[in-house]
Amino acid sequence: MIQAPRLPVAADLLPAFAARRIGALAEAVLADPEGPSFDFSRPAGEPALTAPDSVHWRVFKNPVSLYVGGVAAVILELAEPRVRTGVWEHSRFRAAPVRRMQSTGLAAMISIYGPRSAAEALISGVVRRHEAVRGVTPSGEPYAANDPQLLAWVLATTSYGFGGAYSRYVRRLSGEQMDRLYIESAPAARLYGLQEPLASRVEMEALFTVMEGRLEPSPILAEFLTIMRTAPAMPRALRPLQAMFVRAAVDMIPGWTRRRLRLEGQGLRPGEEHLMLQLGAAADRIPLPSSPAVQACLRLGLPADWLYRR
């Protein structure tokens, strides 16, 4: 078996490495490509769509699981031909992948940590823009971004990806906590127009069964993975780890789905899961003053490190 090359003493010097680099990763993933950064600390006292003691607030504060979970979610989304065509034909991902990732990451943060008024306005704008996202797949199948069936798949894979990445590479979530993650998504899901969002892992497994016959490999999915491995999405010092983060995302895809998507052999190499666990755990202990999670806590009168004590 071919052994992966040993990364330069990163695991040995992890605390110092993490303290210097995790903040840079968070800023790279969440930077606002269109202008000034969003201020999550105001207006003082305004609640978010989800509460500070929610599973969402715990999961989304971690930039390692945020990156890995986001890639895993998009793999599953692009495996569905109608979603794939809509994303590839109506977004700027191929032309400007890093800017698209930053926009998507910032939007997710506003939906979770932002004041409710800002989250509602953001989602309303997305729904309006999605009205124009419609067309026909190469096989002749019609699609529309606001179609409830497609919304259900996209929102469910988001919870699956981010929750699964946190549970696998940061801190194990119990079955009850994973169910809560789906339940907590309901307010945002209804704003997107989905009246009956998933409410448990059991319902997610049932959805996988329903979607099994629809998921398929494609050159677009292969191109997406190549982009995620090679685009300058991470700070320069972390780019040697970027392909490993993508492999960590592939490893999260259910086995039958990996086989169907022809992703076998593209998961983590020997020794890499241990390093991912160290990075994920380190990121979960470092409250970054500029992070949405910390600023949202301050907005609600909580200590800056409140989420990092839990």
Protein backbone atom coordinates (compact mmCIF):
# COMPACT_ATOMS: atom_id res chain seq x y z
CA MET A 1 0.00 0.00 0.00
CA ILE A 2 1.31 3.45 -0.90
CA GLN A 3 1.79 5.58 2.21
CA ALA A 4 0.88 9.25 2.08
CA PRO A 5 3.87 11.57 2.43
CA ARG A 6 4.25 12.84 5.99
CA LEU A 7 3.12 16.43 6.35
CA PRO A 8 5.87 18.67 7.70
CA VAL A 9 5.64 18.26 11.51
CA ALA A 10 2.17 19.86 11.53
CA ALA A 11 0.81 17.19 13.88
CA ASP A 12 3.80 17.55 16.22
CA LEU A 13 3.45 21.32 16.51
CA LEU A 14 -0.33 21.43 16.23
CA PRO A 15 -1.23 23.86 19.04
CA ALA A 16 1.07 26.59 17.71
CA PHE A 17 0.22 25.70 14.11
CA ALA A 18 -3.52 25.89 14.81
CA ALA A 19 -3.34 29.15 16.71
CA ARG A 20 -1.60 30.82 13.78
CA ARG A 21 -3.53 29.25 10.92
CA ILE A 22 -7.11 28.38 11.92
CA GLY A 23 -8.07 32.04 12.04
CA ALA A 24 -6.69 32.54 8.56
CA LEU A 25 -8.73 29.58 7.32
CA ALA A 26 -11.93 31.02 8.80
CA GLU A 27 -11.29 34.40 7.21
CA ALA A 28 -10.52 32.83 3.84
CA VAL A 29 -13.71 30.77 3.84
CA LEU A 30 -16.00 33.51 5.15
CA ALA A 31 -14.55 36.70 3.65
CA ASP A 32 -17.15 38.88 1.96
CA PRO A 33 -16.02 39.04 -1.70
CA GLU A 34 -18.39 41.88 -2.51
CA GLY A 35 -17.44 44.47 0.07
CA PRO A 36 -17.11 45.21 3.80
CA SER A 37 -17.51 42.34 6.22
CA PHE A 38 -20.93 41.72 7.73
CA ASP A 39 -21.13 42.86 11.37
CA PHE A 40 -22.57 39.98 13.40
CA SER A 41 -22.29 41.95 16.64
CA ARG A 42 -25.20 44.30 15.85
CA PRO A 43 -27.91 45.21 16.52
CA ALA A 44 -27.39 44.42 20.18
CA GLY A 45 -29.82 41.89 21.58
CA GLU A 46 -31.48 40.79 18.32
CA PRO A 47 -31.83 36.99 18.27
CA ALA A 48 -30.90 34.73 15.38
CA LEU A 49 -33.08 32.13 13.67
CA THR A 50 -31.50 29.53 15.96
CA ALA A 51 -30.65 29.87 19.64
CA PRO A 52 -27.11 30.10 21.06
CA ASP A 53 -27.49 26.71 22.78
CA SER A 54 -28.46 25.04 19.49
CA VAL A 55 -26.45 22.33 17.79
CA HIS A 56 -26.12 24.69 14.82
CA TRP A 57 -24.21 27.27 16.86
CA ARG A 58 -21.81 24.60 18.06
CA VAL A 59 -21.25 22.99 14.65
CA PHE A 60 -20.88 26.05 12.45
CA LYS A 61 -18.28 27.79 14.60
CA ASN A 62 -15.61 25.32 13.46
CA PRO A 63 -13.85 26.31 10.17
CA VAL A 64 -12.42 22.81 9.64
CA SER A 65 -15.77 21.02 9.69
CA LEU A 66 -17.32 23.96 7.84
CA TYR A 67 -14.94 23.48 4.91
CA VAL A 68 -15.16 19.68 4.86
CA GLY A 69 -18.91 19.57 5.39
CA GLY A 70 -19.52 22.12 2.68
CA VAL A 71 -17.60 20.07 0.14
CA ALA A 72 -19.44 16.88 1.16
CA ALA A 73 -22.82 18.61 0.79
CA VAL A 74 -21.97 19.91 -2.68
CA ILE A 75 -20.79 16.45 -3.80
CA LEU A 76 -24.23 15.08 -2.95
CA GLU A 77 -26.01 18.04 -4.53
CA LEU A 78 -24.07 17.78 -7.80
CA ALA A 79 -24.83 14.07 -7.94
CA GLU A 80 -28.50 14.94 -8.60
CA PRO A 81 -28.80 15.93 -12.31
CA ARG A 82 -31.38 18.70 -11.90
CA VAL A 83 -29.50 20.36 -9.04
CA ARG A 84 -26.22 19.90 -10.91
CA THR A 85 -27.47 21.58 -14.06
CA GLY A 86 -28.99 24.47 -12.13
CA VAL A 87 -25.83 25.10 -10.13
CA TRP A 88 -23.45 24.81 -13.07
CA GLU A 89 -25.48 26.84 -15.55
CA HIS A 90 -26.70 29.59 -13.22
CA SER A 91 -23.77 30.29 -10.94
CA ARG A 92 -20.24 31.65 -11.25
CA PHE A 93 -18.63 28.67 -9.54
CA ARG A 94 -16.57 27.58 -12.53
CA ALA A 95 -15.35 31.11 -13.35
CA ALA A 96 -14.80 32.29 -9.77
CA PRO A 97 -14.87 29.29 -7.41
CA VAL A 98 -13.26 30.99 -4.42
CA ARG A 99 -15.60 33.99 -4.54
CA ARG A 100 -18.60 31.68 -4.88
CA MET A 101 -17.44 29.63 -1.89
CA GLN A 102 -16.98 32.78 0.18
CA SER A 103 -20.42 34.10 -0.75
CA THR A 104 -22.04 30.78 0.13
CA GLY A 105 -20.13 30.50 3.40
CA LEU A 106 -21.02 34.04 4.46
CA ALA A 107 -24.69 33.47 3.59
CA ALA A 108 -24.73 30.33 5.76
CA MET A 109 -23.20 32.26 8.67
CA ILE A 110 -25.80 35.03 8.38
CA SER A 111 -28.58 32.43 8.34
CA ILE A 112 -27.28 30.89 11.57
CA TYR A 113 -25.52 33.61 13.59
CA GLY A 114 -26.87 36.79 12.03
CA PRO A 115 -29.74 38.80 13.53
CA ARG A 116 -33.10 37.37 12.50
CA SER A 117 -33.98 40.40 10.37
CA ALA A 118 -30.79 40.04 8.31
CA ALA A 119 -31.26 36.27 7.91
CA GLU A 120 -34.85 36.69 6.76
CA ALA A 121 -33.87 39.40 4.27
CA LEU A 122 -31.01 37.29 2.91
CA ILE A 123 -33.17 34.18 2.43
CA SER A 124 -35.94 36.23 0.83
CA GLY A 125 -33.40 37.56 -1.69
CA VAL A 126 -32.14 34.06 -2.45
CA VAL A 127 -35.70 32.82 -3.06
CA ARG A 128 -36.35 35.73 -5.46
CA ARG A 129 -33.15 35.05 -7.39
CA HIS A 130 -33.94 31.36 -7.55
CA GLU A 131 -37.18 32.10 -9.39
CA ALA A 132 -35.03 32.70 -12.48
CA VAL A 133 -33.04 29.48 -12.00
CA ARG A 134 -34.94 27.06 -14.19
CA GLY A 135 -34.30 25.15 -17.37
CA VAL A 136 -33.82 21.66 -18.77
CA THR A 137 -31.08 19.14 -18.02
CA PRO A 138 -29.03 17.65 -20.89
CA SER A 139 -31.30 14.59 -20.73
CA GLY A 140 -34.39 16.77 -21.20
CA GLU A 141 -35.64 16.85 -17.61
CA PRO A 142 -37.04 20.21 -16.43
CA TYR A 143 -35.77 21.77 -13.21
CA ALA A 144 -36.48 24.82 -11.04
CA ALA A 145 -34.39 25.90 -8.07
CA ASN A 146 -37.46 26.52 -5.89
CA ASP A 147 -38.92 23.07 -6.62
CA PRO A 148 -39.76 21.61 -3.16
CA GLN A 149 -38.19 18.25 -4.04
CA LEU A 150 -34.89 19.87 -4.97
CA LEU A 151 -35.04 22.21 -1.98
CA ALA A 152 -35.53 19.20 0.28
CA TRP A 153 -32.43 17.50 -1.13
CA VAL A 154 -30.23 20.60 -0.94
CA LEU A 155 -31.26 21.53 2.61
CA ALA A 156 -31.00 17.93 3.82
CA THR A 157 -27.52 17.43 2.36
CA THR A 158 -26.45 20.67 4.05
CA SER A 159 -27.40 19.33 7.48
CA TYR A 160 -25.91 15.94 6.62
CA GLY A 161 -22.63 17.46 5.44
CA PHE A 162 -21.96 20.00 8.18
CA GLY A 163 -23.30 17.89 11.03
CA GLY A 164 -21.51 14.80 9.79
CA ALA A 165 -18.20 16.62 9.37
CA TYR A 166 -18.35 18.02 12.90
CA SER A 167 -19.30 14.66 14.37
CA ARG A 168 -16.56 12.80 12.51
CA TYR A 169 -13.64 15.25 12.62
CA VAL A 170 -14.30 17.42 15.67
CA ARG A 171 -16.49 15.97 18.41
CA ARG A 172 -18.93 13.09 18.21
CA LEU A 173 -22.56 14.16 18.14
CA SER A 174 -25.14 11.85 19.67
CA GLY A 175 -28.08 10.58 17.66
CA GLU A 176 -30.32 13.01 19.54
CA GLN A 177 -28.03 15.93 18.67
CA MET A 178 -28.03 14.97 14.99
CA ASP A 179 -31.83 14.85 15.06
CA ARG A 180 -31.86 18.28 16.69
CA LEU A 181 -29.70 19.60 13.88
CA TYR A 182 -32.38 18.65 11.35
CA ILE A 183 -35.19 20.01 13.57
CA GLU A 184 -33.37 23.31 14.10
CA SER A 185 -33.14 23.79 10.33
CA ALA A 186 -36.93 24.08 10.04
CA PRO A 187 -37.30 27.88 10.46
CA ALA A 188 -34.81 28.59 7.65
CA ALA A 189 -36.21 25.78 5.50
CA ARG A 190 -39.71 27.24 5.72
CA LEU A 191 -38.39 30.66 4.73
CA TYR A 192 -36.94 28.99 1.62
CA GLY A 193 -40.41 27.60 0.89
CA LEU A 194 -40.09 24.04 2.18
CA GLN A 195 -43.09 23.42 4.42
CA GLU A 196 -42.16 19.92 5.64
CA PRO A 197 -38.38 19.77 6.12
CA LEU A 198 -36.66 16.66 7.43
CA ALA A 199 -36.81 16.19 11.18
CA SER A 200 -34.47 13.26 11.93
CA ARG A 201 -31.65 10.97 10.79
CA VAL A 202 -34.25 8.32 10.00
CA GLU A 203 -35.95 10.68 7.55
CA MET A 204 -32.55 11.49 6.02
CA GLU A 205 -31.85 7.80 5.49
CA ALA A 206 -35.26 7.43 3.87
CA LEU A 207 -34.48 10.34 1.56
CA PHE A 208 -31.19 8.69 0.56
CA THR A 209 -33.18 5.59 -0.36
CA VAL A 210 -35.58 7.64 -2.48
CA MET A 211 -32.71 9.47 -4.21
CA GLU A 212 -30.50 6.42 -4.76
CA GLY A 213 -31.66 5.85 -8.33
CA ARG A 214 -31.21 9.51 -9.25
CA LEU A 215 -27.63 10.07 -8.09
CA GLU A 216 -25.03 9.67 -10.81
CA PRO A 217 -21.39 10.42 -11.67
CA SER A 218 -20.65 13.22 -14.10
CA PRO A 219 -17.76 15.23 -15.57
CA ILE A 220 -19.12 18.24 -13.65
CA LEU A 221 -18.70 16.46 -10.32
CA ALA A 222 -15.17 15.45 -11.29
CA GLU A 223 -14.42 19.06 -12.31
CA PHE A 224 -15.80 20.35 -9.01
CA LEU A 225 -13.48 18.07 -7.03
CA THR A 226 -10.49 19.13 -9.12
CA ILE A 227 -11.34 22.79 -8.49
CA MET A 228 -11.68 22.18 -4.76
CA ARG A 229 -8.31 20.45 -4.65
CA THR A 230 -6.44 23.10 -6.64
CA ALA A 231 -8.15 26.51 -6.42
CA PRO A 232 -6.45 28.94 -3.96
CA ALA A 233 -9.29 28.53 -1.46
CA MET A 234 -7.09 28.23 1.64
CA PRO A 235 -4.39 30.54 3.00
CA ARG A 236 -1.04 29.77 1.42
CA ALA A 237 0.36 28.07 4.52
CA LEU A 238 -2.58 25.65 4.60
CA ARG A 239 -2.76 24.79 0.91
CA PRO A 240 -0.71 21.60 1.32
CA LEU A 241 -3.70 20.39 3.39
CA GLN A 242 -6.40 21.43 0.93
CA ALA A 243 -6.53 18.19 -1.04
CA MET A 244 -6.67 16.28 2.25
CA PHE A 245 -9.74 18.29 3.30
CA VAL A 246 -11.42 17.29 0.03
CA ARG A 247 -10.51 13.64 0.63
CA ALA A 248 -12.03 13.97 4.12
CA ALA A 249 -15.27 15.17 2.49
CA VAL A 250 -15.30 12.23 0.08
CA ASP A 251 -14.82 9.87 3.03
CA MET A 252 -18.07 11.15 4.53
CA ILE A 253 -20.20 10.12 1.54
CA PRO A 254 -22.10 6.86 2.21
CA GLY A 255 -20.32 3.82 0.76
CA TRP A 256 -22.98 2.92 -1.80
CA THR A 257 -23.04 6.54 -2.98
CA ARG A 258 -19.25 6.67 -3.36
CA ARG A 259 -19.41 3.55 -5.49
CA ARG A 260 -22.24 4.95 -7.59
CA LEU A 261 -20.38 8.26 -8.07
CA ARG A 262 -17.11 6.45 -8.85
CA LEU A 263 -15.33 8.07 -5.90
CA GLU A 264 -13.82 4.90 -4.48
CA GLY A 265 -10.16 5.36 -3.64
CA GLN A 266 -10.48 9.15 -3.36
CA GLY A 267 -10.95 9.25 0.42
CA LEU A 268 -8.43 9.80 3.20
CA ARG A 269 -5.03 8.14 3.04
CA PRO A 270 -3.42 6.27 5.94
CA GLY A 271 -2.70 8.60 8.85
CA GLU A 272 -4.73 11.51 7.52
CA GLU A 273 -7.84 10.94 9.63
CA HIS A 274 -5.75 11.36 12.78
CA LEU A 275 -4.46 14.70 11.52
CA MET A 276 -7.98 15.81 10.56
CA LEU A 277 -9.16 15.00 14.09
CA GLN A 278 -6.33 17.05 15.57
CA LEU A 279 -7.06 20.02 13.33
CA GLY A 280 -10.79 19.82 14.00
CA ALA A 281 -10.32 19.61 17.76
CA ALA A 282 -7.84 22.49 17.77
CA ALA A 283 -10.20 24.70 15.75
CA ASP A 284 -12.97 23.98 18.26
CA ARG A 285 -10.89 25.42 21.12
CA ILE A 286 -9.84 28.70 19.50
CA PRO A 287 -12.33 31.58 19.82
CA LEU A 288 -11.54 33.94 16.96
CA PRO A 289 -12.51 37.56 17.79
CA SER A 290 -13.64 38.25 14.21
CA SER A 291 -15.66 35.04 13.79
CA PRO A 292 -19.44 35.18 13.32
CA ALA A 293 -19.90 32.86 16.32
CA VAL A 294 -17.97 35.11 18.70
CA GLN A 295 -19.54 38.31 17.39
CA ALA A 296 -23.03 36.80 17.64
CA CYS A 297 -22.40 35.83 21.26
CA LEU A 298 -21.34 39.40 22.04
CA ARG A 299 -24.49 40.71 20.30
CA LEU A 300 -26.59 38.67 22.70
CA GLY A 301 -24.61 39.65 25.78
CA LEU A 302 -22.75 36.35 26.12
CA PRO A 303 -18.99 36.04 26.77
CA ALA A 304 -16.85 35.86 23.64
CA ASP A 305 -15.72 32.33 24.52
CA TRP A 306 -19.18 31.09 25.56
CA LEU A 307 -19.47 28.54 22.73
CA TYR A 308 -15.94 27.28 23.39
CA ARG A 309 -16.67 26.33 27.00
CA ARG A 310 -19.41 23.89 26.05
